[in-house]
Protein backbone atom coordinates (compact mmCIF):
# COMPACT_ATOMS: atom_id res chain seq x y z
CA MET A 1 0.00 0.00 0.00
CA ASP A 2 1.43 3.38 -1.03
CA ILE A 3 0.21 5.50 1.87
CA LEU A 4 1.59 8.83 0.62
CA SER A 5 -0.10 8.49 -2.77
CA ASP A 6 -3.36 7.61 -1.03
CA ILE A 7 -3.04 10.68 1.22
CA LEU A 8 -2.43 12.99 -1.74
CA GLU A 9 -5.36 11.45 -3.61
CA GLY A 10 -7.62 11.83 -0.60
CA ALA A 11 -6.56 15.42 -0.02
CA GLY A 12 -8.12 16.39 -3.35
CA LEU A 13 -5.18 18.63 -4.27
CA ARG A 14 -5.98 21.24 -6.88
CA ARG A 15 -2.88 22.56 -8.57
CA ARG A 16 -2.00 25.79 -10.24
CA VAL A 17 1.26 25.96 -12.19
CA LEU A 18 2.84 29.32 -11.37
CA GLY A 19 4.89 29.11 -14.54
CA LEU A 20 8.43 30.10 -15.47
CA ARG A 21 9.11 33.61 -14.21
CA ALA A 22 11.93 36.13 -14.24
CA VAL A 23 12.81 37.89 -10.99
CA PRO A 24 14.25 41.19 -12.30
CA PRO A 25 16.29 43.66 -10.23
CA GLY A 26 14.27 46.37 -8.50
CA VAL A 27 11.10 44.26 -8.41
CA ALA A 28 9.43 42.25 -5.66
CA LEU A 29 7.42 39.54 -7.36
CA ARG A 30 4.42 38.98 -5.07
CA PHE A 31 2.57 35.68 -4.74
CA PRO A 32 -0.86 35.94 -3.03
CA CYS A 33 -1.13 32.35 -1.81
CA ALA A 34 -2.91 32.82 1.51
CA ARG A 35 -4.77 29.51 1.36
CA SER A 36 -2.40 27.20 -0.49
CA ILE A 37 0.69 25.14 -0.02
CA GLY A 38 3.28 25.25 -2.75
CA MET A 39 6.87 25.57 -3.82
CA HIS A 40 9.36 27.62 -5.81
CA ILE A 41 12.29 26.07 -7.68
CA VAL A 42 15.16 28.40 -8.55
CA LEU A 43 16.48 27.62 -12.01
CA ARG A 44 19.21 30.24 -12.19
CA GLY A 45 20.56 33.18 -10.27
CA THR A 46 20.11 34.04 -6.60
CA VAL A 47 16.66 34.83 -5.27
CA HIS A 48 15.48 35.95 -1.83
CA LEU A 49 12.12 34.82 -0.47
CA HIS A 50 10.27 37.19 1.87
CA ALA A 51 7.31 36.14 4.02
CA PRO A 52 5.73 37.44 7.24
CA THR A 53 6.26 34.02 8.82
CA LEU A 54 10.04 34.22 8.31
CA ASP A 55 12.44 35.91 10.72
CA ALA A 56 14.74 36.78 7.80
CA PRO A 57 14.58 36.33 4.01
CA LEU A 58 15.53 32.92 2.65
CA SER A 59 18.45 33.03 0.23
CA LEU A 60 17.93 30.57 -2.62
CA GLY A 61 20.40 29.49 -5.29
CA PRO A 62 20.11 27.48 -8.51
CA GLY A 63 18.37 24.16 -7.91
CA ASP A 64 17.09 25.07 -4.45
CA VAL A 65 13.45 24.28 -3.68
CA ALA A 66 11.47 26.39 -1.19
CA PHE A 67 8.46 24.39 0.06
CA MET A 68 5.62 26.34 1.70
CA ALA A 69 3.30 24.27 3.92
CA ARG A 70 1.35 27.19 5.45
CA GLY A 71 -0.26 29.44 2.90
CA CYS A 72 0.78 33.09 3.13
CA ASP A 73 1.37 36.03 0.85
CA HIS A 74 5.06 36.15 0.02
CA SER A 75 7.49 37.76 -2.41
CA LEU A 76 10.62 36.95 -4.38
CA SER A 77 13.37 39.41 -5.22
CA VAL A 78 17.03 39.39 -6.16
CA GLU A 79 17.63 41.96 -3.40
CA HIS A 80 17.92 40.92 0.24
CA GLY A 81 15.48 43.62 1.36
CA LEU A 82 12.17 44.89 0.00
CA ALA A 83 12.63 48.60 0.69
CA GLY A 84 12.26 50.67 -2.46
CA LEU A 85 11.27 47.76 -4.68
CA ARG A 86 8.37 47.93 -7.10
CA VAL A 87 5.78 45.27 -6.19
CA GLN A 88 4.53 43.19 -9.07
CA THR A 89 1.84 40.58 -8.47
CA ARG A 90 2.40 37.28 -10.18
CA GLY A 91 0.52 37.17 -13.42
CA ALA A 92 0.60 36.37 -17.09
CA ASP A 93 2.43 39.60 -17.84
CA THR A 94 5.51 38.46 -15.91
CA ALA A 95 8.09 37.52 -18.51
CA PRO A 96 10.17 34.34 -18.42
CA PRO A 97 13.84 34.82 -17.56
CA THR A 98 16.32 35.75 -20.26
CA ALA A 99 19.90 34.53 -20.35
CA GLY A 100 21.72 35.56 -17.18
CA ALA A 101 18.56 36.65 -15.33
CA SER A 102 17.30 35.04 -12.14
CA GLY A 103 14.41 32.70 -12.81
CA VAL A 104 12.01 30.48 -10.90
CA VAL A 105 9.30 27.95 -11.65
CA GLY A 106 6.73 26.68 -9.20
CA GLY A 107 3.22 25.76 -8.30
CA ALA A 108 0.51 26.10 -5.68
CA TYR A 109 -1.76 23.39 -4.30
CA GLN A 110 -5.09 24.00 -2.65
CA LEU A 111 -6.09 21.39 -0.06
CA ARG A 112 -9.62 20.27 0.56
CA ASN A 113 -11.33 21.63 3.66
CA ALA A 114 -10.49 20.47 7.19
CA PRO A 115 -9.96 17.97 8.61
CA ARG A 116 -6.64 17.52 6.86
CA HIS A 117 -4.35 14.56 7.20
CA PRO A 118 -1.85 14.89 10.10
CA LEU A 119 1.02 14.88 7.59
CA PHE A 120 0.11 18.39 6.44
CA ALA A 121 -0.15 19.65 10.02
CA GLU A 122 3.35 18.50 10.94
CA LEU A 123 5.11 20.01 7.92
CA PRO A 124 7.28 23.05 8.77
CA ALA A 125 5.91 26.36 7.52
CA TRP A 126 8.90 26.69 5.18
CA THR A 127 11.47 24.11 4.16
CA VAL A 128 14.40 24.72 1.81
CA LEU A 129 15.79 21.70 -0.01
CA ARG A 130 19.29 22.70 -1.01
CA ALA A 131 20.65 21.61 -4.39
CA GLU A 132 24.09 21.09 -2.85
CA THR A 133 22.74 18.28 -0.66
CA ARG A 134 21.20 16.35 -3.58
CA PRO A 135 22.68 14.51 -6.58
CA ARG A 136 23.27 16.88 -9.47
CA LEU A 137 21.36 14.58 -11.80
CA GLY A 138 18.85 13.48 -9.17
CA PRO A 139 15.10 13.28 -9.87
CA LEU A 140 14.28 16.72 -8.44
CA ALA A 141 16.87 18.46 -10.62
CA LEU A 142 15.94 16.50 -13.73
CA ALA A 143 12.20 17.10 -13.30
CA ALA A 144 12.73 20.84 -12.74
CA GLY A 145 14.90 21.02 -15.86
CA LEU A 146 12.26 19.25 -17.92
CA MET A 147 9.63 21.68 -16.63
CA GLU A 148 11.67 24.65 -17.81
CA GLN A 149 12.27 23.00 -21.19
CA GLU A 150 8.60 22.22 -21.71
CA ILE A 151 7.40 25.69 -20.68
CA ARG A 152 9.84 27.34 -23.08
CA ALA A 153 9.03 24.95 -25.93
CA ALA A 154 5.23 25.37 -25.66
CA GLU A 155 4.67 22.31 -27.86
CA PRO A 156 1.39 20.39 -28.11
CA GLY A 157 0.78 18.64 -24.80
CA THR A 158 2.99 21.00 -22.82
CA ASP A 159 0.33 21.81 -20.22
CA THR A 160 -0.25 18.13 -19.42
CA ILE A 161 3.47 17.40 -19.20
CA VAL A 162 4.21 20.41 -17.01
CA GLN A 163 1.40 19.57 -14.60
CA ALA A 164 2.67 15.99 -14.32
CA LEU A 165 6.23 17.21 -13.72
CA LEU A 166 5.00 19.68 -11.11
CA ASP A 167 3.33 16.82 -9.24
CA THR A 168 6.54 14.82 -9.56
CA VAL A 169 8.68 17.58 -8.05
CA PHE A 170 6.08 18.19 -5.33
CA THR A 171 6.04 14.52 -4.35
CA TYR A 172 9.82 14.15 -4.39
CA ALA A 173 10.13 17.26 -2.21
CA LEU A 174 7.47 15.96 0.17
CA ARG A 175 9.26 12.62 0.38
CA GLU A 176 12.52 14.33 1.37
CA ILE A 177 10.80 16.43 4.03
CA MET A 178 9.04 13.35 5.41
CA SER A 179 12.36 11.55 5.65
CA ASP A 180 13.78 14.35 7.78
CA LEU A 181 10.64 14.52 9.92
CA GLY A 182 10.74 10.77 10.43
CA GLN A 183 13.95 11.16 12.43
CA SER A 184 12.35 13.61 14.86
CA GLY A 185 10.89 10.89 17.11
CA ARG A 186 7.24 11.94 16.82
CA GLY A 187 4.54 12.58 14.27
CA TRP A 188 3.02 10.79 11.28
CA SER A 189 6.30 10.52 9.37
CA HIS A 190 7.98 8.97 12.40
CA ALA A 191 5.03 6.61 12.92
CA LEU A 192 5.75 4.99 9.54
CA ARG A 193 9.05 3.75 10.99
CA ASP A 194 7.22 1.66 13.61
CA PRO A 195 6.33 -1.65 11.88
CA GLN A 196 3.22 -2.28 14.00
CA VAL A 197 1.88 1.27 13.71
CA ARG A 198 2.61 1.28 9.98
CA ARG A 199 0.73 -2.02 9.64
CA VAL A 200 -2.31 -0.42 11.26
CA LEU A 201 -2.05 2.70 9.07
CA ASN A 202 -1.82 0.51 5.96
CA LEU A 203 -4.97 -1.35 6.98
CA MET A 204 -6.84 1.91 7.56
CA HIS A 205 -5.87 3.24 4.14
CA GLU A 206 -6.53 -0.03 2.31
CA ARG A 207 -9.90 -0.75 3.97
CA SER A 208 -11.16 2.47 5.50
CA ALA A 209 -14.78 1.33 5.16
CA HIS A 210 -14.18 -1.81 7.22
CA PRO A 211 -15.81 -1.66 10.70
CA TRP A 212 -12.49 -1.67 12.51
CA THR A 213 -12.36 -1.98 16.27
CA LEU A 214 -9.33 -1.34 18.46
CA GLU A 215 -9.29 -5.05 19.30
CA GLU A 216 -9.17 -6.13 15.66
CA LEU A 217 -6.50 -3.57 14.74
CA ALA A 218 -4.40 -4.71 17.70
CA GLN A 219 -4.72 -8.35 16.61
CA GLN A 220 -3.62 -7.44 13.08
CA ALA A 221 -0.59 -5.62 14.50
CA GLY A 222 0.29 -8.43 16.89
CA LEU A 223 -0.13 -6.19 19.92
CA SER A 224 -2.48 -5.87 22.86
CA ARG A 225 -5.13 -3.16 22.74
CA THR A 226 -3.27 -1.17 25.39
CA ALA A 227 0.10 -1.49 23.65
CA LEU A 228 -1.33 -0.40 20.28
CA ALA A 229 -3.20 2.54 21.80
CA GLU A 230 -0.07 3.75 23.60
CA ARG A 231 2.28 3.33 20.65
CA PHE A 232 -0.19 4.91 18.25
CA ARG A 233 -0.82 7.90 20.51
CA THR A 234 2.90 8.37 21.18
CA ALA A 235 3.68 8.34 17.47
CA MET A 236 0.62 10.10 16.10
CA GLY A 237 -0.71 12.19 18.97
CA ASP A 238 -4.13 10.64 18.35
CA THR A 239 -6.09 7.45 18.91
CA PRO A 240 -6.37 4.82 16.16
CA LEU A 241 -10.15 5.14 15.82
CA ASN A 242 -10.11 8.93 15.74
CA HIS A 243 -7.46 8.83 13.01
CA LEU A 244 -9.66 6.38 11.10
CA ARG A 245 -12.57 8.81 11.39
CA VAL A 246 -10.44 11.59 9.87
CA LEU A 247 -9.47 9.34 6.95
CA ARG A 248 -13.12 8.48 6.35
CA MET A 249 -14.20 12.11 6.36
CA GLN A 250 -11.45 13.04 3.90
CA ARG A 251 -12.66 10.35 1.54
CA ALA A 252 -16.24 11.44 2.04
CA MET A 253 -15.36 15.03 1.11
CA LYS A 254 -13.69 13.82 -2.07
CA LEU A 255 -16.72 11.72 -3.03
CA LEU A 256 -19.10 14.58 -2.27
CA SER A 257 -17.04 16.97 -4.41
CA ASP A 258 -16.12 14.70 -7.29
CA THR A 259 -19.20 12.51 -7.75
CA ASP A 260 -22.97 12.73 -7.84
CA ASP A 261 -23.35 9.67 -5.62
CA LYS A 262 -26.30 9.73 -3.27
CA LEU A 263 -25.65 10.34 0.40
CA GLU A 264 -26.43 6.71 1.23
CA ALA A 265 -23.80 5.51 -1.25
CA VAL A 266 -21.17 7.93 0.11
CA ALA A 267 -21.91 6.82 3.67
CA ALA A 268 -21.53 3.14 2.75
CA ALA A 269 -18.32 3.80 0.80
CA VAL A 270 -16.61 5.28 3.85
CA GLY A 271 -17.85 2.78 6.43
CA TYR A 272 -21.22 3.97 7.76
CA GLN A 273 -24.36 1.88 7.75
CA ASP A 274 -26.81 4.72 7.15
CA ALA A 275 -26.80 8.28 5.88
CA PHE A 276 -28.15 9.70 9.14
CA GLY A 277 -25.29 8.41 11.28
CA PHE A 278 -22.77 9.44 8.64
CA SER A 279 -24.23 12.96 8.42
CA LYS A 280 -23.95 13.44 12.20
CA VAL A 281 -20.27 12.44 12.21
CA PHE A 282 -19.55 14.51 9.09
CA LYS A 283 -21.11 17.67 10.53
CA ARG A 284 -19.35 17.22 13.86
CA THR A 285 -15.99 16.73 12.12
CA VAL A 286 -16.19 19.08 9.15
CA GLY A 287 -18.46 21.75 10.61
CA GLU A 288 -21.29 21.55 8.08
CA SER A 289 -23.67 18.95 6.71
CA PRO A 290 -22.68 16.77 3.73
CA ARG A 291 -25.37 18.47 1.65
CA ALA A 292 -24.09 21.96 2.48
CA PHE A 293 -20.52 20.88 1.80
CA ARG A 294 -21.46 19.50 -1.61
CA GLN A 295 -23.31 22.68 -2.54
CA ARG A 296 -20.37 24.86 -1.50
CA SER A 297 -17.61 22.73 -2.93
CA ASP A 298 -16.12 24.10 -6.11
CA ALA A 299 -15.05 21.23 -8.34
CA GLY A 300 -13.53 23.61 -10.89
CA PRO A 301 -9.97 24.91 -11.15
CA MET A 302 -8.25 26.67 -8.29
CA ARG A 303 -9.27 30.27 -7.98
CA PRO A 304 -6.57 32.88 -8.65
CA GLY A 305 -4.83 34.14 -5.56
CA LEU A 306 -5.02 30.89 -3.61
């Protein structure tokens, strides 16, 4: 079971390719991404990233990836400070970099409404993946280079290829961050290192609609109920059954947004025997009824500025 792929699928990520952009001198290129996660990949030159959540600007060089896990308005500039710079909001009128100019490519991802998977909660607000710590011809560098090539070429099929490459870079970056988090001793990424806890997480992702009990999960993991509950809470900061409820609600939100299935069918698909019981849990967890969520959910492209 590929848990990370299942999490990304369940999150209902909606992407927006921010494109290949020049960062010219004297300009602060502003990105209004208050409700998204995303990343910038520096292709050439030195760029400084400014955000209200940062104590000081982040200095980024060629090949560096800045990963934003908490949406906020932020800016890029070649200067270390913003004083005196002309602010230019990211848009179609921003030219791609010319030879010798600093340039970036990136994307933003909008997550489905809360509750979100614990992975997204534990990600640092900003993470910089330095090119110097990765193989020069590693997958991140190669995918970023292909993105630049495709955007410049603008051949038939470019949009599809660039979106796929953006997802590839995003997933590779997320994998690297998870690897670092897994060494911290706590959290979802660390929990995957515990064979018994990982076994339970795999079962939840593979069969989220199954009427799991703590007893049955403990038997599958080869642990007592008490041992599983303690190890799960230590690693995840949550109980097994509450985590299962979150997974079910995430899948329910995706079904409500992406299909026309009746409420009874959605309830059954995520492990509830009737629509009434499912609706009560959904409203308590999400904050609104399934019907209201479906009416509000926008299944179209990400809105500008997210």
